[in-house]
Every structure is written in C-alpha cells, then in structure tokens.
Amino acid sequence: MSETRWWFIRHAPVDSGGVIYGQDDLPANCSDPGLFDGLASRLPADAVWMVTNLQRTRQTAEALRQRLPQDLPDYLVEQDFAEQHFGNWQGRSHADLRAERHPEWHRFWLAPATERPPEGESFADLTARAGRALRRHSEAQQGRDVICVAHGGTIRAVLSIALDIEPERALAFSVENCSLTRIDWFAGSAGSHLPGDEGTWRVVTVNLPPR
C-alpha cells in the first residue's frame, strides 16, 4: 500500500475582538516565536505545502517556513479546506449570539453539525467539501508528506472522515491554534473491488501542542 501522510496545522491565533469570523479574511497574529520553533522542527523536510484561500493560513505557513531550509516548493491553495462559512453570523459577537440562541447554544461549536446559519453552510457541508479535497489530494500525492495549514473546523472535518464518525461527534475534538494533527491515507489495491479495500485511514496524533 502507498500512503499519503497529512500534517494538518491550525493557523496562528486571530485577534478577532470576540466576533465570529469564519470565512472573513482576518490576519493571523504570528508574533509569538514559541508557537513556531518547536512545531517547525517536527515537520518533514521533503513535503508538499498547502494553504487555504484565507490569509491567516499562508501567514502561519510563512512563519513556519522561515525556520526551515529555504528551498521549499510553492504552495498549493485549496479553497475546499477553508473554514466553515457562518453566513450572517460572521461579524457578530460570540456573546450576543450565545444570548440570542440560549439554550440552543452548542457546547463546542456555534450550532449543531447539520444546522446552516442564515446565508451560510453547516459543519456537515464543510465536512463534505473538505472530504472531496482530502480524497483528491490523497490520491494525487500518494507516497508524499503533505503539510496543510488550515482551520479548526476543517481539521475536525477531516477527523470525522478518517475515523468514519458522524460530523456532530467530531465537533467534540479540541483543535488549538498551531497544533498538529497527523493522519495517514493508505491506498487500496489497484483495481480491487473487495469491500474495505478501497483504502483506509490511520490517525497518528490529534491536537499536539506546538510548545
């Protein structure tokens, strides 16, 4: 079997002022070197680098790459790994939305996995689109390491896929800023139509802190 090794990193903290930002393109705060020194030392040298279309992932990747040999490949940009779009909730404060939605406020997320905010998408929608990108790149990058700087929701979504659990259950995972989550894809046998031989996932580590 040929494996694709995924190194998912959540972007550096965002100074959002307490508002929900989702796919709003806010910058990352990369001023704390302690978030990057140890994390960079764990990363493979010969890897594909991937970011999303939101600047906070590229800024985090740049902070990491400054600590690595500079002969690195250009980024692949994958929009399907972007954070969940929270629609009309974006720009609102967490406190206001919590007060409005009580007691429907979700313990770990803004809403249940299947609920779509007005003009937005659900976490289940995010899981579906992230899953398509995950399968596509896993097949295209067989035998490679892929360092992907993404978002907390995205990383929970790929864990839902790797563990074959309902999206709602994946919302219970803690995914901190600059933490590392490692999953591996093992391709199935070429041309095989046997049940269970279409490929399989292994989860190596989840939410490994950067320090």
Protein backbone atom coordinates (compact mmCIF):
# COMPACT_ATOMS: atom_id res chain seq x y z
CA MET A 1 0.00 0.00 0.00
CA SER A 2 1.10 3.56 -0.76
CA GLU A 3 0.44 6.07 1.99
CA THR A 4 -0.19 9.80 1.96
CA ARG A 5 0.92 11.41 5.22
CA TRP A 6 -1.05 14.52 6.20
CA TRP A 7 0.36 17.09 8.62
CA PHE A 8 -2.59 19.35 9.44
CA ILE A 9 -1.77 22.54 11.35
CA ARG A 10 -4.33 25.01 12.60
CA HIS A 11 -3.40 28.61 11.80
CA ALA A 12 -1.95 31.01 14.38
CA PRO A 13 -4.33 32.99 16.63
CA VAL A 14 -6.56 35.69 15.17
CA ASP A 15 -7.26 38.92 17.03
CA SER A 16 -10.96 38.95 16.21
CA GLY A 17 -12.21 41.14 19.05
CA GLY A 18 -14.56 38.38 20.15
CA VAL A 19 -16.53 38.18 16.91
CA ILE A 20 -17.33 35.16 14.77
CA TYR A 21 -15.12 35.33 11.69
CA GLY A 22 -15.50 32.02 9.82
CA GLN A 23 -14.51 32.83 6.23
CA ASP A 24 -13.89 36.52 6.90
CA ASP A 25 -10.27 37.05 5.83
CA LEU A 26 -8.70 38.27 9.08
CA PRO A 27 -4.92 38.16 9.56
CA ALA A 28 -3.11 35.80 11.92
CA ASN A 29 -1.03 37.01 14.86
CA CYS A 30 2.36 35.36 14.28
CA SER A 31 4.30 37.46 16.80
CA ASP A 32 4.95 34.64 19.32
CA PRO A 33 8.02 32.65 18.17
CA GLY A 34 7.27 29.94 20.70
CA LEU A 35 4.32 28.86 18.57
CA PHE A 36 6.56 28.06 15.61
CA ASP A 37 10.04 26.98 16.75
CA GLY A 38 9.16 23.56 18.13
CA LEU A 39 6.44 22.91 15.56
CA ALA A 40 8.78 23.59 12.64
CA SER A 41 11.29 21.08 13.99
CA ARG A 42 8.66 18.31 13.79
CA LEU A 43 7.84 18.83 10.12
CA PRO A 44 9.22 16.66 7.30
CA ALA A 45 11.80 18.24 5.02
CA ASP A 46 10.53 16.99 1.66
CA ALA A 47 6.83 17.79 1.68
CA VAL A 48 4.04 19.33 -0.33
CA TRP A 49 2.86 22.60 1.25
CA MET A 50 -0.82 23.51 1.18
CA VAL A 51 -2.80 26.50 2.46
CA THR A 52 -6.35 27.73 2.01
CA ASN A 53 -7.52 30.89 0.28
CA LEU A 54 -7.63 32.75 3.63
CA GLN A 55 -4.56 34.81 4.52
CA ARG A 56 -4.18 33.52 8.06
CA THR A 57 -3.12 30.09 6.80
CA ARG A 58 -0.47 31.47 4.45
CA GLN A 59 0.86 33.80 7.17
CA THR A 60 1.18 30.86 9.55
CA ALA A 61 2.90 28.77 6.88
CA GLU A 62 5.35 31.60 6.19
CA ALA A 63 6.23 31.83 9.88
CA LEU A 64 6.98 28.10 9.88
CA ARG A 65 8.94 28.15 6.63
CA GLN A 66 11.24 30.90 7.95
CA ARG A 67 12.55 28.27 10.36
CA LEU A 68 13.18 25.66 7.66
CA PRO A 69 15.62 25.35 4.75
CA GLN A 70 14.53 27.87 2.16
CA ASP A 71 14.48 25.61 -0.90
CA LEU A 72 10.78 24.84 -0.45
CA PRO A 73 8.06 24.30 -3.05
CA ASP A 74 5.35 26.83 -3.84
CA TYR A 75 2.06 26.47 -2.03
CA LEU A 76 -0.91 24.55 -3.30
CA VAL A 77 -4.03 26.59 -2.48
CA GLU A 78 -7.14 24.54 -1.65
CA GLN A 79 -10.29 26.58 -1.15
CA ASP A 80 -12.28 23.50 -0.13
CA PHE A 81 -10.19 23.37 3.06
CA ALA A 82 -11.38 26.86 4.10
CA GLU A 83 -13.19 27.32 7.40
CA GLN A 84 -16.96 26.89 7.71
CA HIS A 85 -18.90 29.85 6.33
CA PHE A 86 -21.13 31.15 9.11
CA GLY A 87 -23.17 33.42 6.86
CA ASN A 88 -24.95 36.25 8.63
CA TRP A 89 -23.38 35.23 11.94
CA GLN A 90 -19.96 36.40 10.75
CA GLY A 91 -19.08 39.73 12.35
CA ARG A 92 -21.42 39.17 15.29
CA SER A 93 -20.01 38.69 18.78
CA HIS A 94 -19.97 35.25 20.34
CA ALA A 95 -21.60 36.73 23.44
CA ASP A 96 -24.55 38.21 21.52
CA LEU A 97 -25.20 35.04 19.56
CA ARG A 98 -24.94 32.92 22.71
CA ALA A 99 -27.50 35.09 24.46
CA GLU A 100 -29.83 35.01 21.46
CA ARG A 101 -29.65 31.24 20.97
CA HIS A 102 -29.73 30.10 24.61
CA PRO A 103 -30.49 27.26 25.36
CA GLU A 104 -29.77 26.11 21.77
CA TRP A 105 -26.16 27.34 22.01
CA HIS A 106 -23.82 24.46 21.16
CA ARG A 107 -21.36 23.33 23.81
CA PHE A 108 -18.37 23.01 21.45
CA TRP A 109 -19.36 24.86 18.27
CA LEU A 110 -21.76 27.58 17.21
CA ALA A 111 -24.52 25.22 16.14
CA PRO A 112 -25.31 21.52 15.65
CA ALA A 113 -23.45 19.93 12.75
CA THR A 114 -26.46 19.92 10.43
CA GLU A 115 -27.66 23.49 11.09
CA ARG A 116 -26.95 26.09 8.41
CA PRO A 117 -26.62 29.66 9.66
CA PRO A 118 -28.58 32.16 7.52
CA GLU A 119 -26.74 32.58 4.18
CA GLY A 120 -24.07 30.15 5.38
CA GLU A 121 -23.22 26.47 5.47
CA SER A 122 -23.40 23.76 8.11
CA PHE A 123 -20.48 21.87 9.59
CA ALA A 124 -21.79 18.84 7.70
CA ASP A 125 -21.48 20.88 4.47
CA LEU A 126 -17.89 21.73 5.41
CA THR A 127 -17.18 18.05 6.06
CA ALA A 128 -18.49 17.09 2.63
CA ARG A 129 -16.40 19.63 0.71
CA ALA A 130 -13.27 19.02 2.80
CA GLY A 131 -13.74 15.30 2.25
CA ARG A 132 -13.73 15.72 -1.52
CA ALA A 133 -10.48 17.68 -1.38
CA LEU A 134 -8.95 15.22 1.07
CA ARG A 135 -9.61 12.24 -1.17
CA ARG A 136 -8.48 14.08 -4.29
CA HIS A 137 -5.15 15.19 -2.85
CA SER A 138 -4.55 11.90 -1.02
CA GLU A 139 -4.71 10.09 -4.32
CA ALA A 140 -2.67 12.70 -6.19
CA GLN A 141 0.09 12.82 -3.55
CA GLN A 142 0.48 9.12 -2.80
CA GLY A 143 3.79 8.39 -1.14
CA ARG A 144 4.26 12.03 -0.09
CA ASP A 145 4.01 14.13 3.04
CA VAL A 146 1.51 16.99 2.82
CA ILE A 147 1.79 19.88 5.26
CA CYS A 148 -1.58 21.62 5.24
CA VAL A 149 -2.15 24.81 7.25
CA ALA A 150 -5.90 25.01 7.66
CA HIS A 151 -8.62 25.81 10.21
CA GLY A 152 -10.12 24.31 13.34
CA GLY A 153 -13.36 23.36 11.63
CA THR A 154 -11.53 21.83 8.67
CA ILE A 155 -9.35 19.68 10.90
CA ARG A 156 -12.38 18.44 12.84
CA ALA A 157 -13.99 17.65 9.48
CA VAL A 158 -11.08 15.53 8.24
CA LEU A 159 -11.02 13.69 11.57
CA SER A 160 -14.69 12.88 11.05
CA ILE A 161 -13.75 11.32 7.72
CA ALA A 162 -10.64 9.50 8.93
CA LEU A 163 -12.47 7.97 11.90
CA ASP A 164 -15.71 7.41 9.96
CA ILE A 165 -17.80 9.15 12.62
CA GLU A 166 -20.76 11.49 12.36
CA PRO A 167 -19.81 15.17 11.94
CA GLU A 168 -21.62 16.01 15.19
CA ARG A 169 -19.26 13.76 17.16
CA ALA A 170 -16.21 15.35 15.53
CA LEU A 171 -17.19 18.74 16.95
CA ALA A 172 -16.04 17.49 20.36
CA PHE A 173 -12.38 17.47 19.25
CA SER A 174 -10.24 20.26 20.63
CA VAL A 175 -8.02 21.81 17.92
CA GLU A 176 -5.86 24.63 19.26
CA ASN A 177 -4.02 27.27 17.26
CA CYS A 178 -0.73 25.98 15.81
CA SER A 179 -1.48 22.44 16.99
CA LEU A 180 -0.53 19.48 14.82
CA THR A 181 -2.92 16.73 13.74
CA ARG A 182 -1.46 13.79 11.78
CA ILE A 183 -3.47 11.35 9.67
CA ASP A 184 -2.34 8.87 7.01
CA TRP A 185 -4.18 7.57 3.96
CA PHE A 186 -3.31 4.05 2.75
CA ALA A 187 -4.48 3.47 -0.80
CA GLY A 188 -6.26 0.23 -1.59
CA SER A 189 -5.12 -2.33 -4.13
CA ALA A 190 -5.30 -1.12 -7.71
CA GLY A 191 -8.35 -2.50 -9.47
CA SER A 192 -9.67 -4.19 -6.35
CA HIS A 193 -13.42 -4.19 -5.77
CA LEU A 194 -13.30 -6.06 -2.47
CA PRO A 195 -15.19 -4.45 0.43
CA GLY A 196 -12.80 -2.49 2.65
CA ASP A 197 -10.01 -2.49 0.05
CA GLU A 198 -10.75 0.97 -1.32
CA GLY A 199 -8.26 2.44 1.17
CA THR A 200 -8.05 3.15 4.86
CA TRP A 201 -7.11 5.87 7.34
CA ARG A 202 -4.81 5.89 10.33
CA VAL A 203 -4.91 8.68 12.95
CA VAL A 204 -1.42 9.31 14.35
CA THR A 205 -1.97 12.28 16.65
CA VAL A 206 -4.58 14.96 17.33
CA ASN A 207 -4.08 18.50 18.67
CA LEU A 208 -0.37 18.07 19.51
CA PRO A 209 0.61 21.42 21.06
CA PRO A 210 3.36 23.48 19.41
CA ARG A 211 5.40 24.05 22.54
